[in-house]
């Protein structure tokens, strides 16, 4: 008798194709669903991270920022000080230099954005339009460089910050986390490094020198300002009311091998480009110091030196008169 081979499709033996396919079909959905769960959990953490930390930083000092973590200069110089320990001229200088409509806008200067767009269409130098609020959001959470994705995230954080923080707090945080030199973050550390004094005792001129280098703190020096920084100092002091107003100087072209970055100043806010490589700063003569507190502002143009008083020729003593000869 011919022996019948057992059928692979019998009741005791499910189809081989089904046996082989069942584990694969069952495993794939599990793996995909597991990845989806982790993705949504991570997204939820990231979404909650920003508002929760913003809420905490509404009152607590900021120990470190994303920009500090990405700095190439270690150890960092950073000392947090409350607003009461920052000279009022420092606040005025930064607003005059970076965002003159800071107290009026809701995080975005639409007029500056429109001006920057028109300027970038017809000019070779790119200008940014970031406000102090946008720069604070970027320094706290993001990374250097441009791109629409980063700008979109920055805009979302800026909206939250403007809703959760008063303007005074935004400016206080910005002054404490902005980079004023290679590895020097915050106005207190900058004041100590450059002027050997606390930020509470900054003069108007010193505050203007710190604000003048904010667009490119690794290229320009507040301690030994070059010609362009000195021009910016005079312009900033004019905007602050310390002397006659002068035209905002045109920034110098980038150095060979230096990445092109948006040129900033005045209403156009801070730069969005990656920090330039460290380069030696020009060492022109420093700007004359500002008047002491309580004194009238001094014009910021180059002081007119008084003409030297010619030294008078020494008057030689007249020879003694000859005595009359005695009578014979």
Protein backbone atom coordinates (compact mmCIF):
# COMPACT_ATOMS: atom_id res chain seq x y z
CA UNK A 1 0.00 0.00 0.00
CA UNK A 2 1.10 3.41 -0.76
CA UNK A 3 1.78 5.34 2.35
CA UNK A 4 0.08 8.67 2.38
CA UNK A 5 2.22 11.53 3.43
CA UNK A 6 0.62 13.60 6.16
CA UNK A 7 -0.87 16.74 4.81
CA UNK A 8 0.77 19.93 5.97
CA UNK A 9 -2.64 21.55 5.98
CA UNK A 10 -4.24 19.16 8.43
CA UNK A 11 -6.03 20.33 11.56
CA UNK A 12 -3.11 19.20 13.73
CA UNK A 13 -0.69 20.89 11.44
CA UNK A 14 -1.61 24.49 10.50
CA UNK A 15 -0.37 25.71 7.16
CA UNK A 16 3.37 26.22 7.11
CA UNK A 17 2.92 29.56 5.47
CA UNK A 18 0.75 30.68 8.39
CA UNK A 19 3.24 29.29 10.90
CA UNK A 20 6.08 31.16 9.33
CA UNK A 21 4.16 34.36 8.88
CA UNK A 22 2.40 34.53 12.22
CA UNK A 23 5.36 35.55 14.40
CA UNK A 24 6.55 38.16 11.90
CA UNK A 25 3.10 39.68 11.45
CA UNK A 26 2.59 39.75 15.22
CA UNK A 27 6.02 41.28 16.01
CA UNK A 28 5.95 44.17 13.59
CA UNK A 29 2.91 45.93 15.01
CA UNK A 30 4.34 45.59 18.51
CA UNK A 31 7.65 47.13 17.49
CA UNK A 32 5.96 49.97 15.64
CA UNK A 33 3.56 50.65 18.46
CA UNK A 34 6.46 50.65 20.95
CA UNK A 35 8.38 53.19 18.88
CA UNK A 36 5.30 55.35 18.54
CA UNK A 37 4.77 55.30 22.30
CA UNK A 38 8.37 56.36 22.95
CA UNK A 39 8.15 59.06 20.30
CA UNK A 40 5.02 60.58 21.81
CA UNK A 41 6.47 60.36 25.31
CA UNK A 42 9.62 62.15 24.20
CA UNK A 43 7.59 64.77 22.37
CA UNK A 44 5.43 65.31 25.46
CA UNK A 45 8.53 65.76 27.63
CA UNK A 46 9.99 68.28 25.20
CA UNK A 47 6.73 70.17 24.90
CA UNK A 48 6.34 70.35 28.68
CA UNK A 49 10.03 71.12 29.31
CA UNK A 50 9.95 74.64 27.91
CA UNK A 51 6.85 75.97 29.72
CA UNK A 52 7.80 74.29 33.00
CA UNK A 53 11.34 75.68 32.96
CA UNK A 54 10.10 79.09 31.85
CA UNK A 55 7.72 79.11 34.78
CA UNK A 56 10.56 78.26 37.17
CA UNK A 57 12.91 80.84 35.65
CA UNK A 58 10.23 83.46 36.12
CA UNK A 59 11.59 83.73 39.68
CA UNK A 60 14.75 81.58 39.92
CA UNK A 61 18.20 82.52 38.59
CA UNK A 62 19.29 80.85 35.35
CA UNK A 63 22.30 78.64 36.16
CA UNK A 64 23.27 77.77 32.56
CA UNK A 65 21.95 78.06 29.02
CA UNK A 66 22.11 76.08 25.79
CA UNK A 67 24.56 78.61 24.33
CA UNK A 68 26.86 78.27 27.35
CA UNK A 69 26.87 74.48 26.97
CA UNK A 70 27.93 74.89 23.33
CA UNK A 71 30.73 77.37 24.12
CA UNK A 72 34.26 76.47 23.06
CA UNK A 73 35.72 78.54 25.93
CA UNK A 74 35.96 76.71 29.23
CA UNK A 75 35.84 77.42 32.10
CA UNK A 76 33.06 79.94 31.61
CA UNK A 77 32.84 83.27 33.41
CA UNK A 78 29.24 83.75 34.54
CA UNK A 79 27.88 85.43 37.66
CA UNK A 80 24.14 85.89 38.06
CA UNK A 81 23.07 89.15 39.70
CA UNK A 82 19.51 90.45 40.30
CA UNK A 83 18.25 93.53 38.49
CA UNK A 84 18.82 95.64 41.61
CA UNK A 85 22.58 95.03 41.20
CA UNK A 86 22.74 96.13 37.56
CA UNK A 87 23.24 99.80 36.75
CA UNK A 88 20.29 101.37 34.99
CA UNK A 89 22.62 102.65 32.26
CA UNK A 90 23.34 99.01 31.33
CA UNK A 91 19.63 98.41 30.65
CA UNK A 92 19.40 101.63 28.65
CA UNK A 93 22.51 100.81 26.61
CA UNK A 94 21.34 97.32 25.65
CA UNK A 95 17.88 98.52 24.64
CA UNK A 96 19.39 101.41 22.65
CA UNK A 97 21.80 99.05 20.90
CA UNK A 98 19.73 95.92 20.32
CA UNK A 99 16.00 96.63 20.43
CA UNK A 100 14.75 100.20 20.77
CA UNK A 101 11.09 99.11 20.66
CA UNK A 102 11.56 96.47 23.37
CA UNK A 103 9.12 98.06 25.82
CA UNK A 104 6.37 98.40 23.19
CA UNK A 105 6.32 95.19 21.13
CA UNK A 106 5.04 91.72 22.09
CA UNK A 107 8.24 89.88 21.25
CA UNK A 108 8.50 90.72 17.54
CA UNK A 109 9.34 94.02 15.88
CA UNK A 110 7.29 93.79 12.68
CA UNK A 111 8.63 97.07 11.34
CA UNK A 112 12.23 95.89 11.79
CA UNK A 113 11.38 92.57 10.12
CA UNK A 114 9.96 94.42 7.11
CA UNK A 115 13.01 96.71 6.93
CA UNK A 116 15.38 93.75 7.16
CA UNK A 117 13.50 91.91 4.42
CA UNK A 118 13.73 94.90 2.07
CA UNK A 119 17.39 95.47 2.96
CA UNK A 120 18.32 91.84 2.34
CA UNK A 121 16.67 91.93 -1.09
CA UNK A 122 18.78 94.80 -2.35
CA UNK A 123 21.94 94.49 -0.29
CA UNK A 124 24.77 92.02 -0.02
CA UNK A 125 25.03 92.19 3.77
CA UNK A 126 22.31 90.28 5.59
CA UNK A 127 20.61 92.01 8.49
CA UNK A 128 18.66 90.26 11.20
CA UNK A 129 15.56 91.48 13.00
CA UNK A 130 15.72 89.61 16.31
CA UNK A 131 14.39 91.35 19.38
CA UNK A 132 15.81 91.03 22.89
CA UNK A 133 12.99 88.57 23.65
CA UNK A 134 13.93 86.39 20.67
CA UNK A 135 17.62 86.50 21.57
CA UNK A 136 16.81 85.48 25.15
CA UNK A 137 14.73 82.52 23.93
CA UNK A 138 17.46 81.46 21.51
CA UNK A 139 20.26 81.69 24.09
CA UNK A 140 18.28 79.76 26.69
CA UNK A 141 17.15 76.78 24.62
CA UNK A 142 18.51 76.67 21.08
CA UNK A 143 21.69 76.64 19.02
CA UNK A 144 23.60 79.11 16.85
CA UNK A 145 22.87 79.35 13.15
CA UNK A 146 19.83 80.10 11.07
CA UNK A 147 17.16 78.10 9.31
CA UNK A 148 13.38 78.24 9.23
CA UNK A 149 12.96 75.35 11.68
CA UNK A 150 15.06 76.99 14.37
CA UNK A 151 13.41 80.36 13.79
CA UNK A 152 9.99 78.70 14.12
CA UNK A 153 10.92 77.07 17.44
CA UNK A 154 12.42 80.36 18.60
CA UNK A 155 9.19 82.19 17.74
CA UNK A 156 7.10 79.70 19.75
CA UNK A 157 9.35 80.04 22.81
CA UNK A 158 9.29 83.83 22.45
CA UNK A 159 5.47 83.88 22.52
CA UNK A 160 5.43 81.76 25.69
CA UNK A 161 8.07 83.93 27.33
CA UNK A 162 6.21 87.15 26.58
CA UNK A 163 3.05 85.62 28.06
CA UNK A 164 4.74 84.29 31.21
CA UNK A 165 7.37 86.93 32.00
CA UNK A 166 7.13 90.71 32.41
CA UNK A 167 9.42 92.84 30.27
CA UNK A 168 11.64 93.66 33.24
CA UNK A 169 12.33 89.96 33.81
CA UNK A 170 13.15 89.33 30.14
CA UNK A 171 15.70 92.15 30.18
CA UNK A 172 17.13 90.98 33.50
CA UNK A 173 17.65 87.45 32.17
CA UNK A 174 19.10 88.70 28.89
CA UNK A 175 21.65 90.87 30.67
CA UNK A 176 22.67 87.86 32.76
CA UNK A 177 23.09 85.35 29.91
CA UNK A 178 24.25 87.39 26.90
CA UNK A 179 27.80 86.75 25.73
CA UNK A 180 30.07 89.82 26.04
CA UNK A 181 33.31 88.12 25.07
CA UNK A 182 34.81 84.65 24.55
CA UNK A 183 33.44 82.61 27.44
CA UNK A 184 32.19 85.72 29.29
CA UNK A 185 28.44 85.54 29.93
CA UNK A 186 26.39 88.13 31.74
CA UNK A 187 26.92 91.79 32.50
CA UNK A 188 28.40 91.12 35.96
CA UNK A 189 31.15 88.83 34.64
CA UNK A 190 31.83 91.26 31.77
CA UNK A 191 32.04 94.26 34.09
CA UNK A 192 34.47 92.45 36.37
CA UNK A 193 36.57 91.16 33.46
CA UNK A 194 36.85 94.45 31.56
CA UNK A 195 36.49 97.20 34.16
CA UNK A 196 37.30 95.50 37.48
CA UNK A 197 34.06 96.67 39.05
CA UNK A 198 30.56 95.26 39.70
CA UNK A 199 27.78 95.83 37.20
CA UNK A 200 26.03 98.11 39.71
CA UNK A 201 28.81 100.70 39.27
CA UNK A 202 29.02 100.80 35.47
CA UNK A 203 29.16 104.26 33.92
CA UNK A 204 27.20 105.15 30.80
CA UNK A 205 30.32 104.88 28.65
CA UNK A 206 31.27 101.48 30.03
CA UNK A 207 27.73 100.18 29.55
CA UNK A 208 27.75 101.43 25.96
CA UNK A 209 31.06 99.66 25.32
CA UNK A 210 29.58 96.37 26.54
CA UNK A 211 26.45 96.83 24.44
CA UNK A 212 28.49 97.78 21.38
CA UNK A 213 30.09 94.32 21.10
CA UNK A 214 26.90 92.26 21.53
CA UNK A 215 26.36 91.57 17.80
CA UNK A 216 29.77 89.85 17.60
CA UNK A 217 31.36 89.48 21.05
CA UNK A 218 34.11 87.14 19.85
CA UNK A 219 35.29 89.53 17.17
CA UNK A 220 35.06 92.91 18.91
CA UNK A 221 36.51 93.89 22.26
CA UNK A 222 34.93 96.04 24.96
CA UNK A 223 38.25 96.33 26.78
CA UNK A 224 40.28 97.60 23.82
CA UNK A 225 37.66 98.90 21.38
CA UNK A 226 38.69 99.38 17.78
CA UNK A 227 37.53 102.16 15.47
CA UNK A 228 34.18 100.55 14.61
CA UNK A 229 33.33 99.75 18.24
CA UNK A 230 34.19 103.32 19.25
CA UNK A 231 31.79 104.62 16.58
CA UNK A 232 29.08 102.28 17.90
CA UNK A 233 29.76 103.53 21.44
CA UNK A 234 29.23 107.13 20.33
CA UNK A 235 26.05 106.14 18.49
CA UNK A 236 24.68 104.20 21.49
CA UNK A 237 25.45 107.03 23.89
CA UNK A 238 23.69 109.44 21.55
CA UNK A 239 20.62 107.18 21.59
CA UNK A 240 20.80 107.14 25.39
CA UNK A 241 20.82 110.94 25.55
CA UNK A 242 24.49 111.38 26.39
CA UNK A 243 25.38 113.90 23.72
CA UNK A 244 24.39 114.57 20.13
CA UNK A 245 22.87 111.79 18.06
CA UNK A 246 25.09 110.45 15.31
CA UNK A 247 24.41 108.10 12.41
CA UNK A 248 24.70 104.39 13.11
CA UNK A 249 28.01 103.15 11.65
CA UNK A 250 28.11 100.54 8.92
CA UNK A 251 29.62 97.28 10.20
CA UNK A 252 32.93 96.20 8.69
CA UNK A 253 33.02 93.30 6.20
CA UNK A 254 33.75 89.82 7.58
CA UNK A 255 37.36 88.78 7.82
CA UNK A 256 38.77 86.21 5.35
CA UNK A 257 37.52 82.77 6.32
CA UNK A 258 34.97 84.18 8.75
CA UNK A 259 31.38 82.94 8.24
CA UNK A 260 28.95 85.56 6.98
CA UNK A 261 26.56 86.62 9.72
CA UNK A 262 23.66 89.02 9.84
CA UNK A 263 24.87 92.51 10.60
CA UNK A 264 22.95 94.04 13.43
CA UNK A 265 22.46 97.11 15.51
CA UNK A 266 19.71 99.52 16.42
CA UNK A 267 16.26 98.34 15.48
CA UNK A 268 17.57 95.25 13.76
CA UNK A 269 18.35 93.39 16.96
CA UNK A 270 20.85 90.60 17.49
CA UNK A 271 22.64 88.25 15.20
CA UNK A 272 21.29 84.86 14.26
CA UNK A 273 24.50 83.41 12.92
CA UNK A 274 26.94 81.09 14.58
CA UNK A 275 29.59 82.91 16.60
CA UNK A 276 32.61 83.76 14.52
CA UNK A 277 35.98 82.27 15.31
CA UNK A 278 38.07 84.20 17.79
CA UNK A 279 40.07 86.91 16.08
CA UNK A 280 42.29 89.58 17.55
CA UNK A 281 40.43 92.79 18.19
CA UNK A 282 41.73 96.15 17.14
CA UNK A 283 43.36 98.10 19.90
CA UNK A 284 42.63 101.74 19.21
CA UNK A 285 42.68 104.20 22.03
CA UNK A 286 39.76 103.69 24.42
CA UNK A 287 36.81 106.04 24.44
CA UNK A 288 36.78 108.80 27.00
CA UNK A 289 34.87 107.84 30.16
CA UNK A 290 31.33 109.04 30.71
CA UNK A 291 30.49 111.66 33.35
CA UNK A 292 29.95 110.56 36.90
CA UNK A 293 26.44 110.01 38.17
CA UNK A 294 24.62 113.27 38.72
CA UNK A 295 26.73 115.28 36.29
CA UNK A 296 25.40 116.68 33.04
CA UNK A 297 25.98 114.42 30.01
CA UNK A 298 29.03 115.25 27.96
CA UNK A 299 28.83 115.24 24.13
CA UNK A 300 30.19 111.96 22.77
CA UNK A 301 31.95 113.37 19.75
CA UNK A 302 35.70 113.48 19.94
CA UNK A 303 36.53 116.17 22.47
CA UNK A 304 38.03 119.31 21.08
CA UNK A 305 41.41 119.69 22.61
CA UNK A 306 42.17 123.15 23.75
CA UNK A 307 45.07 124.81 22.02
CA UNK A 308 48.22 124.59 24.06
CA UNK A 309 49.16 127.76 25.78
CA UNK A 310 52.50 128.87 24.39
CA UNK A 311 55.11 129.02 27.02
CA UNK A 312 56.21 132.54 27.66
CA UNK A 313 59.79 133.29 27.00
CA UNK A 314 61.60 133.70 30.25
CA UNK A 315 62.21 137.32 31.04
CA UNK A 316 65.88 137.83 31.58
CA UNK A 317 66.77 140.09 34.40
CA UNK A 318 68.00 143.46 33.25
CA UNK A 319 71.68 144.06 33.92
CA UNK A 320 72.24 146.29 36.91
CA UNK A 321 72.53 149.94 36.00
CA UNK A 322 76.05 151.31 36.06
CA UNK A 323 76.77 153.35 39.12
CA UNK A 324 77.53 156.98 38.40
CA UNK A 325 81.18 157.75 38.49
CA UNK A 326 82.35 159.57 41.55
CA UNK A 327 83.15 163.26 41.10
CA UNK A 328 86.86 163.98 41.04
